[in-house]
PDB file of N, CA and C in Angstrom:
ATOM      1  N   MET A   1     -12.813 -10.299 -33.265  1.00  0.00           N
ATOM      2  CA  MET A   1     -13.810  -9.601 -33.549  1.00  0.00           C
ATOM      3  C   MET A   1     -12.743  -8.688 -34.360  1.00  0.00           C
ATOM      4  N   ASP A   2     -14.072  -9.184 -35.788  1.00  0.00           N
ATOM      5  CA  ASP A   2     -13.943  -8.792 -37.251  1.00  0.00           C
ATOM      6  C   ASP A   2     -14.554  -7.028 -37.216  1.00  0.00           C
ATOM      7  N   GLY A   3     -14.086  -6.139 -38.161  1.00  0.00           N
ATOM      8  CA  GLY A   3     -14.489  -5.582 -37.723  1.00  0.00           C
ATOM      9  C   GLY A   3     -14.754  -4.280 -36.877  1.00  0.00           C
ATOM     10  N   ALA A   4     -14.019  -4.448 -35.962  1.00  0.00           N
ATOM     11  CA  ALA A   4     -13.901  -3.587 -34.642  1.00  0.00           C
ATOM     12  C   ALA A   4     -12.086  -3.095 -35.057  1.00  0.00           C
ATOM     13  N   ASN A   5     -12.951  -1.617 -34.552  1.00  0.00           N
ATOM     14  CA  ASN A   5     -11.251  -0.185 -34.255  1.00  0.00           C
ATOM     15  C   ASN A   5     -10.535  -1.016 -33.469  1.00  0.00           C
ATOM     16  N   ARG A   6      -9.412  -0.161 -33.613  1.00  0.00           N
ATOM     17  CA  ARG A   6      -8.031  -0.580 -32.234  1.00  0.00           C
ATOM     18  C   ARG A   6      -9.057  -0.232 -30.909  1.00  0.00           C
ATOM     19  N   TRP A   7      -9.765   1.461 -30.353  1.00  0.00           N
ATOM     20  CA  TRP A   7     -10.130   1.569 -29.561  1.00  0.00           C
ATOM     21  C   TRP A   7     -11.618   0.473 -28.968  1.00  0.00           C
ATOM     22  N   GLN A   8     -12.455   0.148 -30.166  1.00  0.00           N
ATOM     23  CA  GLN A   8     -13.188  -1.206 -29.482  1.00  0.00           C
ATOM     24  C   GLN A   8     -12.226  -2.488 -29.611  1.00  0.00           C
ATOM     25  N   GLN A   9     -11.394  -3.184 -29.853  1.00  0.00           N
ATOM     26  CA  GLN A   9     -10.561  -4.112 -29.167  1.00  0.00           C
ATOM     27  C   GLN A   9     -10.522  -3.958 -27.623  1.00  0.00           C
ATOM     28  N   ALA A  10      -9.571  -2.748 -27.697  1.00  0.00           N
ATOM     29  CA  ALA A  10      -9.454  -2.025 -26.183  1.00  0.00           C
ATOM     30  C   ALA A  10     -10.391  -2.322 -25.211  1.00  0.00           C
ATOM     31  N   LEU A  11     -11.314  -2.002 -26.000  1.00  0.00           N
ATOM     32  CA  LEU A  11     -12.267  -1.771 -24.387  1.00  0.00           C
ATOM     33  C   LEU A  11     -13.400  -2.757 -24.268  1.00  0.00           C
ATOM     34  N   HIS A  12     -13.408  -3.958 -25.638  1.00  0.00           N
ATOM     35  CA  HIS A  12     -14.610  -5.021 -25.467  1.00  0.00           C
ATOM     36  C   HIS A  12     -13.451  -6.712 -25.226  1.00  0.00           C
ATOM     37  N   ILE A  13     -11.634  -6.356 -25.605  1.00  0.00           N
ATOM     38  CA  ILE A  13     -11.172  -7.383 -25.409  1.00  0.00           C
ATOM     39  C   ILE A  13     -10.259  -6.984 -24.163  1.00  0.00           C
ATOM     40  N   THR A  14      -9.270  -6.548 -24.918  1.00  0.00           N
ATOM     41  CA  THR A  14      -8.147  -6.037 -24.047  1.00  0.00           C
ATOM     42  C   THR A  14      -8.666  -5.831 -22.294  1.00  0.00           C
ATOM     43  N   LEU A  15      -9.255  -4.863 -21.871  1.00  0.00           N
ATOM     44  CA  LEU A  15      -9.656  -4.713 -20.834  1.00  0.00           C
ATOM     45  C   LEU A  15      -9.882  -5.680 -19.693  1.00  0.00           C
ATOM     46  N   PRO A  16     -11.298  -6.174 -20.545  1.00  0.00           N
ATOM     47  CA  PRO A  16     -11.535  -7.775 -19.769  1.00  0.00           C
ATOM     48  C   PRO A  16     -10.616  -8.990 -19.403  1.00  0.00           C
ATOM     49  N   MET A  17      -9.520  -9.126 -20.367  1.00  0.00           N
ATOM     50  CA  MET A  17      -8.569  -9.790 -19.678  1.00  0.00           C
ATOM     51  C   MET A  17      -7.685  -9.583 -18.270  1.00  0.00           C
ATOM     52  N   ILE A  18      -7.158  -7.995 -18.817  1.00  0.00           N
ATOM     53  CA  ILE A  18      -6.803  -7.487 -17.594  1.00  0.00           C
ATOM     54  C   ILE A  18      -6.889  -7.278 -16.499  1.00  0.00           C
ATOM     55  N   ALA A  19      -8.371  -7.110 -16.645  1.00  0.00           N
ATOM     56  CA  ALA A  19      -9.484  -7.312 -15.189  1.00  0.00           C
ATOM     57  C   ALA A  19      -8.586  -7.625 -13.795  1.00  0.00           C
ATOM     58  N   PRO A  20      -8.886  -8.764 -13.692  1.00  0.00           N
ATOM     59  CA  PRO A  20      -8.624  -9.569 -12.700  1.00  0.00           C
ATOM     60  C   PRO A  20      -7.071  -9.249 -12.157  1.00  0.00           C
ATOM     61  N   THR A  21      -5.884  -8.820 -13.159  1.00  0.00           N
ATOM     62  CA  THR A  21      -4.936  -8.174 -12.720  1.00  0.00           C
ATOM     63  C   THR A  21      -4.824  -6.878 -12.310  1.00  0.00           C
ATOM     64  N   ILE A  22      -5.228  -6.499 -12.643  1.00  0.00           N
ATOM     65  CA  ILE A  22      -6.123  -4.739 -12.663  1.00  0.00           C
ATOM     66  C   ILE A  22      -5.951  -5.056 -10.940  1.00  0.00           C
ATOM     67  N   ALA A  23      -7.159  -5.709 -10.596  1.00  0.00           N
ATOM     68  CA  ALA A  23      -7.607  -5.683  -9.542  1.00  0.00           C
ATOM     69  C   ALA A  23      -6.989  -5.988  -8.179  1.00  0.00           C
ATOM     70  N   ILE A  24      -5.772  -7.240  -9.008  1.00  0.00           N
ATOM     71  CA  ILE A  24      -5.382  -7.504  -7.578  1.00  0.00           C
ATOM     72  C   ILE A  24      -3.817  -6.290  -7.041  1.00  0.00           C
ATOM     73  N   MET A  25      -3.293  -5.616  -8.374  1.00  0.00           N
ATOM     74  CA  MET A  25      -2.174  -4.742  -8.584  1.00  0.00           C
ATOM     75  C   MET A  25      -3.010  -3.407  -7.699  1.00  0.00           C
ATOM     76  N   LEU A  26      -4.378  -3.235  -7.434  1.00  0.00           N
ATOM     77  CA  LEU A  26      -4.819  -2.328  -6.695  1.00  0.00           C
ATOM     78  C   LEU A  26      -5.236  -2.795  -5.297  1.00  0.00           C
ATOM     79  N   ILE A  27      -5.386  -3.560  -5.081  1.00  0.00           N
ATOM     80  CA  ILE A  27      -5.216  -4.758  -3.789  1.00  0.00           C
ATOM     81  C   ILE A  27      -3.653  -4.855  -2.604  1.00  0.00           C
ATOM     82  N   PHE A  28      -2.692  -4.905  -3.992  1.00  0.00           N
ATOM     83  CA  PHE A  28      -1.383  -4.502  -3.312  1.00  0.00           C
ATOM     84  C   PHE A  28      -1.448  -3.240  -3.148  1.00  0.00           C
ATOM     85  N   ALA A  29      -1.428  -2.105  -3.825  1.00  0.00           N
ATOM     86  CA  ALA A  29      -1.449  -0.869  -3.305  1.00  0.00           C
ATOM     87  C   ALA A  29      -1.878  -0.208  -2.855  1.00  0.00           C
ATOM     88  N   VAL A  30      -3.030  -0.924  -2.282  1.00  0.00           N
ATOM     89  CA  VAL A  30      -3.413  -0.164  -1.139  1.00  0.00           C
ATOM     90  C   VAL A  30      -2.924  -0.809  -0.014  1.00  0.00           C
ATOM     91  N   GLY A  31      -2.288  -2.134  -0.216  1.00  0.00           N
ATOM     92  CA  GLY A  31      -1.726  -2.345   1.225  1.00  0.00           C
ATOM     93  C   GLY A  31      -0.259  -1.801   1.301  1.00  0.00           C
ATOM     94  N   ASP A  32       0.414  -1.045   0.504  1.00  0.00           N
ATOM     95  CA  ASP A  32       1.483  -0.253   0.164  1.00  0.00           C
ATOM     96  C   ASP A  32       1.004   1.255   0.964  1.00  0.00           C
ATOM     97  N   ILE A  33      -0.152   1.731   0.990  1.00  0.00           N
ATOM     98  CA  ILE A  33      -0.108   3.377   1.276  1.00  0.00           C
ATOM     99  C   ILE A  33       0.323   3.346   2.898  1.00  0.00           C
ATOM    100  N   MET A  34       0.361   2.624   3.723  1.00  0.00           N
ATOM    101  CA  MET A  34       1.130   2.650   5.417  1.00  0.00           C
ATOM    102  C   MET A  34       2.625   3.069   5.147  1.00  0.00           C
ATOM    103  N   SER A  35       2.980   2.660   4.411  1.00  0.00           N
ATOM    104  CA  SER A  35       4.442   2.095   4.625  1.00  0.00           C
ATOM    105  C   SER A  35       5.041   2.993   3.575  1.00  0.00           C
ATOM    106  N   SER A  36       5.751   3.435   3.847  1.00  0.00           N
ATOM    107  CA  SER A  36       7.028   4.506   2.984  1.00  0.00           C
ATOM    108  C   SER A  36       8.534   4.199   2.909  1.00  0.00           C
ATOM    109  N   ASN A  37       9.234   4.640   1.881  1.00  0.00           N
ATOM    110  CA  ASN A  37      10.189   3.918   1.818  1.00  0.00           C
ATOM    111  C   ASN A  37      11.615   4.955   3.307  1.00  0.00           C
ATOM    112  N   THR A  38      11.648   4.099   4.430  1.00  0.00           N
ATOM    113  CA  THR A  38      11.851   4.690   5.438  1.00  0.00           C
ATOM    114  C   THR A  38      13.525   4.997   5.133  1.00  0.00           C
ATOM    115  N   ASP A  39      14.036   4.250   4.220  1.00  0.00           N
ATOM    116  CA  ASP A  39      15.393   4.022   3.645  1.00  0.00           C
ATOM    117  C   ASP A  39      15.996   5.610   3.572  1.00  0.00           C
ATOM    118  N   LEU A  40      14.825   6.116   2.767  1.00  0.00           N
ATOM    119  CA  LEU A  40      15.616   7.399   1.607  1.00  0.00           C
ATOM    120  C   LEU A  40      15.529   8.309   2.373  1.00  0.00           C
ATOM    121  N   ILE A  41      14.221   8.407   3.422  1.00  0.00           N
ATOM    122  CA  ILE A  41      13.542   9.497   4.090  1.00  0.00           C
ATOM    123  C   ILE A  41      14.949   9.246   5.509  1.00  0.00           C
ATOM    124  N   LEU A  42      16.024   8.112   5.949  1.00  0.00           N
ATOM    125  CA  LEU A  42      16.293   8.458   7.069  1.00  0.00           C
ATOM    126  C   LEU A  42      17.892   8.712   6.630  1.00  0.00           C
ATOM    127  N   LEU A  43      18.292   8.795   5.294  1.00  0.00           N
ATOM    128  CA  LEU A  43      19.013   9.689   4.881  1.00  0.00           C
ATOM    129  C   LEU A  43      19.199  11.011   5.117  1.00  0.00           C
ATOM    130  N   LEU A  44      18.509  11.542   5.147  1.00  0.00           N
ATOM    131  CA  LEU A  44      18.485  12.943   4.729  1.00  0.00           C
ATOM    132  C   LEU A  44      17.538  13.287   6.248  1.00  0.00           C
ATOM    133  N   TYR A  45      17.227  12.150   6.785  1.00  0.00           N
ATOM    134  CA  TYR A  45      16.812  12.915   8.158  1.00  0.00           C
ATOM    135  C   TYR A  45      17.437  13.568   9.384  1.00  0.00           C
ATOM    136  N   ASN A  46      17.084  14.962   9.573  1.00  0.00           N
ATOM    137  CA  ASN A  46      18.359  15.307  10.845  1.00  0.00           C
ATOM    138  C   ASN A  46      16.854  16.405  11.712  1.00  0.00           C
ATOM    139  N   ASN A  47      17.773  16.952  12.562  1.00  0.00           N
ATOM    140  CA  ASN A  47      16.458  17.868  13.404  1.00  0.00           C
ATOM    141  C   ASN A  47      15.640  18.972  12.345  1.00  0.00           C
ATOM    142  N   ALA A  48      16.705  19.555  11.132  1.00  0.00           N
ATOM    143  CA  ALA A  48      15.500  20.415  10.832  1.00  0.00           C
ATOM    144  C   ALA A  48      14.422  19.628   9.928  1.00  0.00           C
ATOM    145  N   THR A  49      14.744  18.085   9.547  1.00  0.00           N
ATOM    146  CA  THR A  49      13.732  17.919   8.414  1.00  0.00           C
ATOM    147  C   THR A  49      12.810  17.060   9.169  1.00  0.00           C
ATOM    148  N   MET A  50      12.525  17.055  10.825  1.00  0.00           N
ATOM    149  CA  MET A  50      12.666  15.904  11.403  1.00  0.00           C
ATOM    150  C   MET A  50      10.902  15.984  11.538  1.00  0.00           C
ATOM    151  N   LYS A  51      10.093  17.952  11.620  1.00  0.00           N
ATOM    152  CA  LYS A  51       8.826  18.237  11.428  1.00  0.00           C
ATOM    153  C   LYS A  51       8.361  17.758  10.357  1.00  0.00           C
ATOM    154  N   THR A  52       8.717  17.918   9.181  1.00  0.00           N
ATOM    155  CA  THR A  52       8.086  17.602   8.099  1.00  0.00           C
ATOM    156  C   THR A  52       8.553  15.848   7.535  1.00  0.00           C
ATOM    157  N   ALA A  53       9.767  15.312   7.943  1.00  0.00           N
ATOM    158  CA  ALA A  53       9.655  13.882   7.381  1.00  0.00           C
ATOM    159  C   ALA A  53       9.617  12.814   8.331  1.00  0.00           C
ATOM    160  N   ASP A  54       8.372  12.678   9.156  1.00  0.00           N
ATOM    161  CA  ASP A  54       8.342  12.185   9.946  1.00  0.00           C
ATOM    162  C   ASP A  54       7.228  11.112   9.581  1.00  0.00           C
ATOM    163  N   VAL A  55       8.017   9.722   9.529  1.00  0.00           N
ATOM    164  CA  VAL A  55       6.122   8.497   9.564  1.00  0.00           C
ATOM    165  C   VAL A  55       6.662   7.482  10.141  1.00  0.00           C
ATOM    166  N   PHE A  56       5.683   7.229  10.422  1.00  0.00           N
ATOM    167  CA  PHE A  56       5.873   5.588  10.906  1.00  0.00           C
ATOM    168  C   PHE A  56       6.980   5.039  10.768  1.00  0.00           C
ATOM    169  N   GLY A  57       7.858   4.605  10.008  1.00  0.00           N
ATOM    170  CA  GLY A  57       9.181   3.595  10.086  1.00  0.00           C
ATOM    171  C   GLY A  57      10.084   4.677  10.778  1.00  0.00           C
ATOM    172  N   THR A  58      10.366   6.289  10.525  1.00  0.00           N
ATOM    173  CA  THR A  58      10.905   7.126  11.178  1.00  0.00           C
ATOM    174  C   THR A  58      10.652   7.054  12.266  1.00  0.00           C
ATOM    175  N   TYR A  59       9.401   7.190  12.991  1.00  0.00           N
ATOM    176  CA  TYR A  59       8.808   7.183  14.331  1.00  0.00           C
ATOM    177  C   TYR A  59       9.538   5.964  14.879  1.00  0.00           C
ATOM    178  N   VAL A  60       9.036   4.711  14.675  1.00  0.00           N
ATOM    179  CA  VAL A  60       9.525   4.123  15.160  1.00  0.00           C
ATOM    180  C   VAL A  60      10.485   3.745  15.421  1.00  0.00           C
ATOM    181  N   TYR A  61      11.618   4.016  13.863  1.00  0.00           N
ATOM    182  CA  TYR A  61      13.364   3.871  14.545  1.00  0.00           C
ATOM    183  C   TYR A  61      13.503   4.860  15.658  1.00  0.00           C
ATOM    184  N   ARG A  62      13.075   6.271  15.555  1.00  0.00           N
ATOM    185  CA  ARG A  62      13.630   7.091  16.597  1.00  0.00           C
ATOM    186  C   ARG A  62      13.253   6.573  18.721  1.00  0.00           C
ATOM    187  N   GLU A  63      11.602   6.054  18.205  1.00  0.00           N
ATOM    188  CA  GLU A  63      11.384   5.769  20.021  1.00  0.00           C
ATOM    189  C   GLU A  63      12.293   3.829  19.953  1.00  0.00           C
ATOM    190  N   GLY A  64      12.257   3.434  19.074  1.00  0.00           N
ATOM    191  CA  GLY A  64      12.370   1.843  19.860  1.00  0.00           C
ATOM    192  C   GLY A  64      13.746   1.850  19.520  1.00  0.00           C
ATOM    193  N   LEU A  65      14.782   2.641  18.197  1.00  0.00           N
ATOM    194  CA  LEU A  65      16.450   1.882  18.480  1.00  0.00           C
ATOM    195  C   LEU A  65      16.953   3.336  19.121  1.00  0.00           C
ATOM    196  N   LEU A  66      16.794   4.478  18.839  1.00  0.00           N
ATOM    197  CA  LEU A  66      17.223   5.596  19.413  1.00  0.00           C
ATOM    198  C   LEU A  66      17.110   6.083  20.542  1.00  0.00           C
ATOM    199  N   THR A  67      15.874   5.948  21.735  1.00  0.00           N
ATOM    200  CA  THR A  67      15.818   6.175  22.788  1.00  0.00           C
ATOM    201  C   THR A  67      15.586   5.100  23.518  1.00  0.00           C
ATOM    202  N   GLY A  68      15.687   3.939  23.508  1.00  0.00           N
ATOM    203  CA  GLY A  68      15.532   2.607  23.769  1.00  0.00           C
ATOM    204  C   GLY A  68      14.558   2.294  24.388  1.00  0.00           C
ATOM    205  N   LYS A  69      13.151   2.560  23.973  1.00  0.00           N
ATOM    206  CA  LYS A  69      11.273   2.624  24.270  1.00  0.00           C
ATOM    207  C   LYS A  69      11.247   1.405  22.966  1.00  0.00           C
ATOM    208  N   THR A  70      11.362   0.350  23.689  1.00  0.00           N
ATOM    209  CA  THR A  70      11.101  -0.974  22.463  1.00  0.00           C
ATOM    210  C   THR A  70      10.055  -1.524  22.539  1.00  0.00           C
ATOM    211  N   SER A  71       9.321  -1.476  23.684  1.00  0.00           N
ATOM    212  CA  SER A  71       7.905  -1.562  23.393  1.00  0.00           C
ATOM    213  C   SER A  71       6.635  -0.629  22.864  1.00  0.00           C
ATOM    214  N   LEU A  72       7.110   0.904  23.009  1.00  0.00           N
ATOM    215  CA  LEU A  72       6.758   1.717  22.035  1.00  0.00           C
ATOM    216  C   LEU A  72       6.638   1.686  20.951  1.00  0.00           C
ATOM    217  N   GLY A  73       8.154   1.780  20.332  1.00  0.00           N
ATOM    218  CA  GLY A  73       8.188   1.157  18.921  1.00  0.00           C
ATOM    219  C   GLY A  73       7.505  -0.147  18.079  1.00  0.00           C
ATOM    220  N   THR A  74       7.491  -0.800  19.282  1.00  0.00           N
ATOM    221  CA  THR A  74       6.838  -2.475  18.925  1.00  0.00           C
ATOM    222  C   THR A  74       5.773  -1.998  18.645  1.00  0.00           C
ATOM    223  N   ALA A  75       4.600  -1.181  19.786  1.00  0.00           N
ATOM    224  CA  ALA A  75       3.289  -1.421  19.369  1.00  0.00           C
ATOM    225  C   ALA A  75       2.666  -0.594  18.101  1.00  0.00           C
ATOM    226  N   ILE A  76       3.149   0.749  17.789  1.00  0.00           N
ATOM    227  CA  ILE A  76       3.555   1.338  16.392  1.00  0.00           C
ATOM    228  C   ILE A  76       3.608   1.025  15.681  1.00  0.00           C
ATOM    229  N   GLY A  77       4.982  -0.271  15.046  1.00  0.00           N
ATOM    230  CA  GLY A  77       5.612  -1.165  14.116  1.00  0.00           C
ATOM    231  C   GLY A  77       3.785  -2.350  14.291  1.00  0.00           C
ATOM    232  N   LEU A  78       3.121  -2.274  15.552  1.00  0.00           N
ATOM    233  CA  LEU A  78       2.253  -3.576  15.222  1.00  0.00           C
ATOM    234  C   LEU A  78       0.870  -2.882  14.600  1.00  0.00           C
ATOM    235  N   PHE A  79       0.294  -2.251  15.456  1.00  0.00           N
ATOM    236  CA  PHE A  79      -0.374  -0.544  15.300  1.00  0.00           C
ATOM    237  C   PHE A  79      -0.758  -0.433  13.392  1.00  0.00           C
ATOM    238  N   ALA A  80       0.827  -0.282  13.319  1.00  0.00           N
ATOM    239  CA  ALA A  80       0.249  -0.063  11.526  1.00  0.00           C
ATOM    240  C   ALA A  80       0.463  -1.172  10.491  1.00  0.00           C
ATOM    241  N   SER A  81       0.803  -2.143  11.071  1.00  0.00           N
ATOM    242  CA  SER A  81       0.556  -3.331  11.048  1.00  0.00           C
ATOM    243  C   SER A  81      -0.891  -3.434  10.074  1.00  0.00           C
ATOM    244  N   THR A  82      -1.323  -3.896  11.682  1.00  0.00           N
ATOM    245  CA  THR A  82      -3.146  -4.149  11.817  1.00  0.00           C
ATOM    246  C   THR A  82      -3.475  -2.585  10.843  1.00  0.00           C
ATOM    247  N   VAL A  83      -3.507  -1.790  10.883  1.00  0.00           N
ATOM    248  CA  VAL A  83      -4.495  -0.271   9.724  1.00  0.00           C
ATOM    249  C   VAL A  83      -4.122  -1.711   8.275  1.00  0.00           C
ATOM    250  N   ASN A  84      -3.347  -1.309   8.095  1.00  0.00           N
ATOM    251  CA  ASN A  84      -2.494  -1.828   6.924  1.00  0.00           C
ATOM    252  C   ASN A  84      -3.327  -3.517   6.285  1.00  0.00           C
ATOM    253  N   LEU A  85      -3.452  -4.506   7.315  1.00  0.00           N
ATOM    254  CA  LEU A  85      -4.071  -5.560   7.070  1.00  0.00           C
ATOM    255  C   LEU A  85      -5.597  -5.169   7.336  1.00  0.00           C
ATOM    256  N   ILE A  86      -6.206  -4.029   8.048  1.00  0.00           N
ATOM    257  CA  ILE A  86      -7.412  -4.579   7.511  1.00  0.00           C
ATOM    258  C   ILE A  86      -8.067  -3.449   6.166  1.00  0.00           C
ATOM    259  N   LEU A  87      -6.904  -2.317   5.522  1.00  0.00           N
ATOM    260  CA  LEU A  87      -6.698  -1.533   4.763  1.00  0.00           C
ATOM    261  C   LEU A  87      -7.103  -2.716   3.592  1.00  0.00           C
ATOM    262  N   VAL A  88      -6.488  -3.913   3.727  1.00  0.00           N
ATOM    263  CA  VAL A  88      -6.233  -4.902   2.744  1.00  0.00           C
ATOM    264  C   VAL A  88      -7.334  -5.768   2.574  1.00  0.00           C
ATOM    265  N   PHE A  89      -7.860  -5.765   3.919  1.00  0.00           N
ATOM    266  CA  PHE A  89      -9.153  -6.885   3.731  1.00  0.00           C
ATOM    267  C   PHE A  89     -10.358  -5.808   3.116  1.00  0.00           C
ATOM    268  N   ILE A  90     -10.533  -4.721   3.227  1.00  0.00           N
ATOM    269  CA  ILE A  90     -11.495  -3.795   2.767  1.00  0.00           C
ATOM    270  C   ILE A  90     -11.159  -4.137   1.648  1.00  0.00           C
ATOM    271  N   ALA A  91     -10.499  -3.661   0.676  1.00  0.00           N
ATOM    272  CA  ALA A  91      -9.731  -3.700  -0.773  1.00  0.00           C
ATOM    273  C   ALA A  91      -9.932  -4.992  -1.371  1.00  0.00           C
ATOM    274  N   ASN A  92      -9.731  -5.902  -0.552  1.00  0.00           N
ATOM    275  CA  ASN A  92     -10.040  -7.299  -1.158  1.00  0.00           C
ATOM    276  C   ASN A  92     -11.331  -7.658  -1.588  1.00  0.00           C
ATOM    277  N   LYS A  93     -11.901  -7.113  -0.413  1.00  0.00           N
ATOM    278  CA  LYS A  93     -13.813  -7.079  -0.399  1.00  0.00           C
ATOM    279  C   LYS A  93     -14.172  -6.908  -1.693  1.00  0.00           C
ATOM    280  N   CYS A  94     -14.134  -4.829  -1.086  1.00  0.00           N
ATOM    281  CA  CYS A  94     -14.374  -4.370  -3.095  1.00  0.00           C
ATOM    282  C   CYS A  94     -14.069  -5.314  -3.945  1.00  0.00           C
ATOM    283  N   SER A  95     -12.934  -5.265  -3.932  1.00  0.00           N
ATOM    284  CA  SER A  95     -12.489  -5.953  -5.614  1.00  0.00           C
ATOM    285  C   SER A  95     -12.611  -6.958  -5.976  1.00  0.00           C
ATOM    286  N   ASN A  96     -13.498  -7.656  -4.741  1.00  0.00           N
ATOM    287  CA  ASN A  96     -14.568  -9.422  -5.096  1.00  0.00           C
ATOM    288  C   ASN A  96     -15.922  -8.832  -5.347  1.00  0.00           C
ATOM    289  N   LYS A  97     -16.548  -7.993  -4.946  1.00  0.00           N
ATOM    290  CA  LYS A  97     -17.847  -7.707  -4.916  1.00  0.00           C
ATOM    291  C   LYS A  97     -17.978  -6.717  -6.045  1.00  0.00           C
ATOM    292  N   ILE A  98     -16.814  -6.150  -6.682  1.00  0.00           N
ATOM    293  CA  ILE A  98     -17.035  -5.129  -7.718  1.00  0.00           C
ATOM    294  C   ILE A  98     -16.783  -5.978  -9.046  1.00  0.00           C
ATOM    295  N   SER A  99     -15.945  -6.839  -9.376  1.00  0.00           N
ATOM    296  CA  SER A  99     -15.238  -6.935 -10.250  1.00  0.00           C
ATOM    297  C   SER A  99     -15.401  -9.029 -10.206  1.00  0.00           C
ATOM    298  N   GLY A 100     -15.397  -9.512  -8.768  1.00  0.00           N
ATOM    299  CA  GLY A 100     -15.406 -10.895  -8.879  1.00  0.00           C
ATOM    300  C   GLY A 100     -14.089 -11.394  -8.906  1.00  0.00           C
ATOM    301  N   ASP A 101     -12.997 -10.931  -8.546  1.00  0.00           N
ATOM    302  CA  ASP A 101     -11.705 -11.560  -8.737  1.00  0.00           C
ATOM    303  C   ASP A 101     -11.137 -10.161  -7.238  1.00  0.00           C
ATOM    304  N   GLY A 102     -10.056 -11.654  -6.519  1.00  0.00           N
ATOM    305  CA  GLY A 102      -9.258 -10.584  -5.208  1.00  0.00           C
ATOM    306  C   GLY A 102      -8.343 -11.929  -5.257  1.00  0.00           C
ATOM    307  N   LEU A 103      -7.505 -11.137  -3.836  1.00  0.00           N
ATOM    308  CA  LEU A 103      -7.021 -12.332  -3.909  1.00  0.00           C
ATOM    309  C   LEU A 103      -7.338 -14.020  -2.387  1.00  0.00           C
ATOM    310  N   PHE A 104      -8.377 -13.965  -2.293  1.00  0.00           N
ATOM    311  CA  PHE A 104      -8.606 -14.660  -1.406  1.00  0.00           C
ATOM    312  C   PHE A 104     -10.527 -14.449  -1.615  1.00  0.00           C
TER     313      PHE A 104
END
């Protein structure tokens, strides 16, 4: 584009070229909403922090491994994975409608 300044180049050339990458990264970020870094939470996990630091991963760990209720831990993990899958499908559908780019 002859005569375009940096802002116009970014707006009309760079942004449309990276729009598919932005859409896919958004879908990946939505898929990561339900997960947390359970390892870091477990490092600082004790009875004093249990009320504020309890997430799905630590709850599954506590119920499934520490108390021996593996069926409950499995059910909670399956529920979290199902909700995450539904969120990814919704984000992909929205991305396909808005920008025409998605994972599938």
